[in-house]
Amino acid sequence: MTKRDISARYKGSYLGMLWAVLMPLAMLSIYSYVFGTVFKSRWSAGDPQLPFPIILYSGLIVFNFLAECVNRAPTLVTLSPNLVKKTVFPIVILPWMAMITATINSIISVAILLVGEWLLVGHVPVTALLFPFVLLPVALVALGTGWFLSSLGVYVRDIAQLVGLLTTALLFLTPIFYPPLGTPGALRAFADFNPLATQVQSMRDVLLWGQLPSLTSFVVAMLVGWAVAWFGLVWFSRTSDGFADVL
């Protein structure tokens, strides 16, 4: 299903899978121009020699992974009514499909980042091999949120519009375009308890600065991820019996 999902996304286009590379590069160029050239944003933390677009892109990898799963979740079930009505088909795997697709896109993005880092900086830290462990807690959160929102989206169709708004807000409330210390005082409390902010910083640590992420932060993130995944699965299991009647 993941293979079919990826094929359907680029079916009929002249460039095909090449769009999986061109789209992140295009968005990186836009963000870099707006925040690096127009607003003249600079990164005061970490290695000042690293180009701002590289630092920005490393944070976007984590956010885009979560955002892709969350934004697709409300319509995963409603767009597959034929699968819902087949009692032998385990519809619980639909969020898995979305998460694996997002994982493949993230791997492509990491590869682009490492190539750019090697060309612009001249080296890639060996800790970059640890990036899957940084994404693991985010994957659990994405999976649990996918189960919850895909179920809720069957009964409340407006949820798809609300989710898009919330993910956009999360993009700018997470220290992606600015260092954590640059968070305004009014939002500092939210930033301190934003689990995505921790994973963004951990991704930068392993991909850019050659540092190991905090073991305590990783364990806490895993526990939070497991809790979200468990809640989402329980919610999905208890509400899925009514999907066929609604659709």
Protein backbone atom coordinates (compact mmCIF):
# COMPACT_ATOMS: atom_id res chain seq x y z
CA MET A 1 0.00 0.00 0.00
CA THR A 2 2.90 2.35 0.66
CA LYS A 3 4.31 1.63 -2.78
CA ARG A 4 0.93 2.31 -4.35
CA ASP A 5 0.55 5.48 -2.28
CA ILE A 6 3.87 6.87 -3.50
CA SER A 7 3.17 5.85 -7.09
CA ALA A 8 -0.27 7.49 -7.04
CA ARG A 9 1.19 10.73 -5.70
CA TYR A 10 3.42 11.22 -8.75
CA LYS A 11 1.39 9.28 -11.30
CA GLY A 12 1.02 11.12 -14.60
CA SER A 13 3.71 13.72 -13.83
CA TYR A 14 6.64 14.07 -16.18
CA LEU A 15 9.25 14.18 -13.43
CA GLY A 16 7.76 11.41 -11.28
CA MET A 17 9.73 10.63 -8.11
CA LEU A 18 12.07 13.51 -8.88
CA TRP A 19 9.44 15.76 -7.29
CA ALA A 20 10.30 14.15 -3.94
CA VAL A 21 13.69 15.86 -4.26
CA LEU A 22 12.62 19.08 -6.01
CA MET A 23 9.83 20.01 -3.59
CA PRO A 24 11.98 20.08 -0.42
CA LEU A 25 14.67 21.99 -2.29
CA ALA A 26 12.11 24.52 -3.53
CA MET A 27 10.65 25.05 -0.06
CA LEU A 28 14.16 25.36 1.40
CA SER A 29 14.99 28.03 -1.17
CA ILE A 30 11.84 29.99 -0.35
CA TYR A 31 12.33 29.84 3.43
CA SER A 32 16.02 30.67 3.09
CA TYR A 33 15.27 33.72 0.96
CA VAL A 34 12.50 35.00 3.23
CA PHE A 35 14.21 34.44 6.57
CA GLY A 36 17.87 34.60 5.53
CA THR A 37 17.78 37.43 2.98
CA VAL A 38 14.63 39.47 3.63
CA PHE A 39 14.54 39.23 7.43
CA LYS A 40 18.33 38.65 7.68
CA SER A 41 17.92 35.93 10.29
CA ARG A 42 21.12 34.58 11.81
CA TRP A 43 21.79 31.58 14.02
CA SER A 44 23.66 32.48 17.19
CA ALA A 45 23.76 28.98 18.73
CA GLY A 46 25.83 25.98 17.64
CA ASP A 47 28.46 26.37 14.93
CA PRO A 48 28.32 29.90 13.46
CA GLN A 49 30.13 28.64 10.35
CA LEU A 50 27.18 26.51 9.28
CA PRO A 51 25.05 28.22 6.62
CA PHE A 52 21.61 29.28 7.83
CA PRO A 53 19.76 27.22 5.15
CA ILE A 54 21.42 24.01 6.42
CA ILE A 55 20.36 24.70 10.01
CA LEU A 56 16.86 25.62 8.86
CA TYR A 57 16.50 22.53 6.70
CA SER A 58 17.52 20.16 9.49
CA GLY A 59 14.65 21.43 11.62
CA LEU A 60 12.17 21.22 8.77
CA ILE A 61 12.95 17.51 8.31
CA VAL A 62 11.46 16.70 11.72
CA PHE A 63 8.49 19.03 11.31
CA ASN A 64 7.65 17.90 7.77
CA PHE A 65 7.70 14.26 8.88
CA LEU A 66 5.11 14.91 11.58
CA ALA A 67 3.08 17.39 9.53
CA GLU A 68 2.72 15.02 6.58
CA CYS A 69 1.31 12.27 8.80
CA VAL A 70 -0.97 14.58 10.77
CA ASN A 71 -2.34 16.50 7.78
CA ARG A 72 -3.23 13.30 5.93
CA ALA A 73 -4.76 11.57 8.95
CA PRO A 74 -8.31 13.08 8.96
CA THR A 75 -9.04 11.79 5.45
CA LEU A 76 -7.27 8.42 5.54
CA VAL A 77 -10.48 6.51 6.29
CA THR A 78 -12.98 8.73 4.51
CA LEU A 79 -11.06 8.44 1.22
CA SER A 80 -11.10 4.64 1.43
CA PRO A 81 -14.76 3.66 1.93
CA ASN A 82 -14.31 0.52 -0.19
CA LEU A 83 -11.68 -0.75 2.26
CA VAL A 84 -13.82 0.06 5.29
CA LYS A 85 -16.68 -2.05 3.99
CA LYS A 86 -14.42 -5.06 3.55
CA THR A 87 -14.54 -6.79 6.92
CA VAL A 88 -11.37 -8.76 6.13
CA PHE A 89 -9.27 -5.63 5.55
CA PRO A 90 -7.44 -4.29 8.62
CA ILE A 91 -8.07 -0.55 8.25
CA VAL A 92 -5.90 0.02 11.31
CA ILE A 93 -2.86 -0.12 9.01
CA LEU A 94 -3.83 3.05 7.09
CA PRO A 95 -1.89 5.38 9.46
CA TRP A 96 1.06 2.99 9.16
CA MET A 97 1.01 3.52 5.40
CA ALA A 98 1.05 7.30 5.80
CA MET A 99 3.88 7.12 8.33
CA ILE A 100 6.06 4.87 6.14
CA THR A 101 5.52 7.19 3.18
CA ALA A 102 6.57 10.15 5.34
CA THR A 103 9.62 8.17 6.50
CA ILE A 104 10.74 7.59 2.93
CA ASN A 105 10.39 11.32 2.19
CA SER A 106 12.38 12.12 5.34
CA ILE A 107 15.19 9.81 4.30
CA ILE A 108 15.37 11.62 0.96
CA SER A 109 15.45 14.96 2.79
CA VAL A 110 18.25 13.79 5.10
CA ALA A 111 20.25 12.63 2.09
CA ILE A 112 19.83 16.06 0.47
CA LEU A 113 20.91 17.75 3.70
CA LEU A 114 24.04 15.61 4.10
CA VAL A 115 25.09 16.22 0.50
CA GLY A 116 24.58 19.96 0.98
CA GLU A 117 26.48 19.89 4.27
CA TRP A 118 29.39 18.06 2.69
CA LEU A 119 29.54 20.49 -0.23
CA LEU A 120 29.20 23.67 1.87
CA VAL A 121 31.05 22.69 5.05
CA GLY A 122 33.37 19.93 3.86
CA HIS A 123 32.46 17.23 6.36
CA VAL A 124 29.54 15.26 7.82
CA PRO A 125 29.63 14.15 11.47
CA VAL A 126 29.50 10.42 12.13
CA THR A 127 26.59 11.02 14.53
CA ALA A 128 24.41 11.57 11.45
CA LEU A 129 23.90 7.80 11.46
CA LEU A 130 21.73 8.25 14.57
CA PHE A 131 19.02 10.29 12.85
CA PRO A 132 16.55 7.34 12.74
CA PHE A 133 16.60 7.23 16.54
CA VAL A 134 15.70 10.92 16.64
CA LEU A 135 12.72 10.31 14.36
CA LEU A 136 11.52 7.25 16.30
CA PRO A 137 9.65 9.15 19.07
CA VAL A 138 8.17 11.48 16.45
CA ALA A 139 7.02 8.42 14.47
CA LEU A 140 5.19 7.08 17.53
CA VAL A 141 3.46 10.41 18.04
CA ALA A 142 2.59 10.57 14.34
CA LEU A 143 1.18 7.05 14.44
CA GLY A 144 -0.95 7.66 17.52
CA THR A 145 -2.17 11.00 16.22
CA GLY A 146 -2.92 9.36 12.88
CA TRP A 147 -5.14 6.74 14.51
CA PHE A 148 -6.96 9.37 16.55
CA LEU A 149 -7.50 11.91 13.75
CA SER A 150 -8.37 9.33 11.08
CA SER A 151 -11.14 8.05 13.34
CA LEU A 152 -12.32 11.52 14.37
CA GLY A 153 -12.30 12.65 10.75
CA VAL A 154 -15.00 10.10 9.91
CA TYR A 155 -17.45 11.67 12.33
CA VAL A 156 -16.30 15.31 12.24
CA ARG A 157 -15.32 16.31 8.71
CA ASP A 158 -14.30 19.82 9.77
CA ILE A 159 -11.32 18.40 11.63
CA ALA A 160 -9.27 18.31 8.40
CA GLN A 161 -9.43 22.11 8.10
CA LEU A 162 -8.57 22.63 11.75
CA VAL A 163 -5.58 20.29 11.61
CA GLY A 164 -4.04 22.23 8.73
CA LEU A 165 -4.32 25.44 10.75
CA LEU A 166 -2.79 23.86 13.86
CA THR A 167 0.19 22.39 12.01
CA THR A 168 0.91 25.79 10.45
CA ALA A 169 0.85 27.35 13.92
CA LEU A 170 3.13 24.59 15.21
CA LEU A 171 5.63 25.36 12.45
CA PHE A 172 6.17 28.89 13.70
CA LEU A 173 5.83 28.11 17.41
CA THR A 174 8.62 25.51 17.22
CA PRO A 175 12.22 26.85 17.14
CA ILE A 176 12.87 25.95 13.51
CA PHE A 177 13.46 29.39 12.01
CA TYR A 178 15.09 30.69 15.18
CA PRO A 179 17.23 29.23 18.01
CA PRO A 180 15.48 28.05 21.19
CA LEU A 181 16.87 31.00 23.14
CA GLY A 182 15.25 33.33 20.63
CA THR A 183 11.75 32.33 21.73
CA PRO A 184 9.87 35.35 23.14
CA GLY A 185 9.18 35.28 26.86
CA ALA A 186 5.42 34.85 26.38
CA LEU A 187 5.99 31.65 24.38
CA ARG A 188 8.98 30.33 26.33
CA ALA A 189 6.76 28.15 28.55
CA PHE A 190 5.18 26.51 25.51
CA ALA A 191 8.58 25.99 23.90
CA ASP A 192 9.89 24.28 27.03
CA PHE A 193 7.08 21.71 26.94
CA ASN A 194 6.94 21.34 23.15
CA PRO A 195 8.22 17.79 22.49
CA LEU A 196 8.79 18.58 18.83
CA ALA A 197 11.25 21.32 19.82
CA THR A 198 13.37 18.77 21.66
CA GLN A 199 13.49 16.46 18.66
CA VAL A 200 14.33 19.34 16.32
CA GLN A 201 17.29 20.21 18.53
CA SER A 202 18.34 16.55 18.72
CA MET A 203 18.22 16.28 14.93
CA ARG A 204 20.50 19.29 14.63
CA ASP A 205 22.84 17.81 17.21
CA VAL A 206 23.35 14.56 15.29
CA LEU A 207 23.27 15.92 11.73
CA LEU A 208 25.14 19.20 12.13
CA TRP A 209 27.09 19.55 15.36
CA GLY A 210 28.25 15.98 15.94
CA GLN A 211 26.73 15.78 19.39
CA LEU A 212 24.82 12.95 21.01
CA PRO A 213 21.28 13.86 22.06
CA SER A 214 20.42 13.79 25.73
CA LEU A 215 19.61 10.25 26.88
CA THR A 216 17.06 11.60 29.38
CA SER A 217 15.29 13.60 26.68
CA PHE A 218 15.23 10.55 24.40
CA VAL A 219 13.71 8.31 27.09
CA VAL A 220 11.08 10.93 27.95
CA ALA A 221 10.27 11.41 24.25
CA MET A 222 9.89 7.64 23.79
CA LEU A 223 7.55 7.37 26.78
CA VAL A 224 5.44 10.23 25.48
CA GLY A 225 5.42 8.65 22.01
CA TRP A 226 4.32 5.26 23.35
CA ALA A 227 1.56 6.92 25.40
CA VAL A 228 0.24 8.84 22.38
CA ALA A 229 0.42 5.73 20.17
CA TRP A 230 -1.39 3.60 22.76
CA PHE A 231 -4.15 6.19 23.24
CA GLY A 232 -4.62 6.60 19.49
CA LEU A 233 -4.85 2.86 18.91
CA VAL A 234 -7.37 2.37 21.73
CA TRP A 235 -9.48 5.25 20.42
CA PHE A 236 -9.38 3.89 16.86
CA SER A 237 -10.29 0.37 17.98
CA ARG A 238 -13.28 1.54 19.98
CA THR A 239 -14.70 3.84 17.31
CA SER A 240 -14.01 1.88 14.13
CA ASP A 241 -17.17 -0.23 14.38
CA GLY A 242 -19.26 2.72 13.23
CA PHE A 243 -17.16 3.65 10.21
CA ALA A 244 -19.17 1.61 7.71
CA ASP A 245 -22.50 3.10 8.87
CA VAL A 246 -21.22 6.68 8.58
CA LEU A 247 -19.53 6.20 5.21
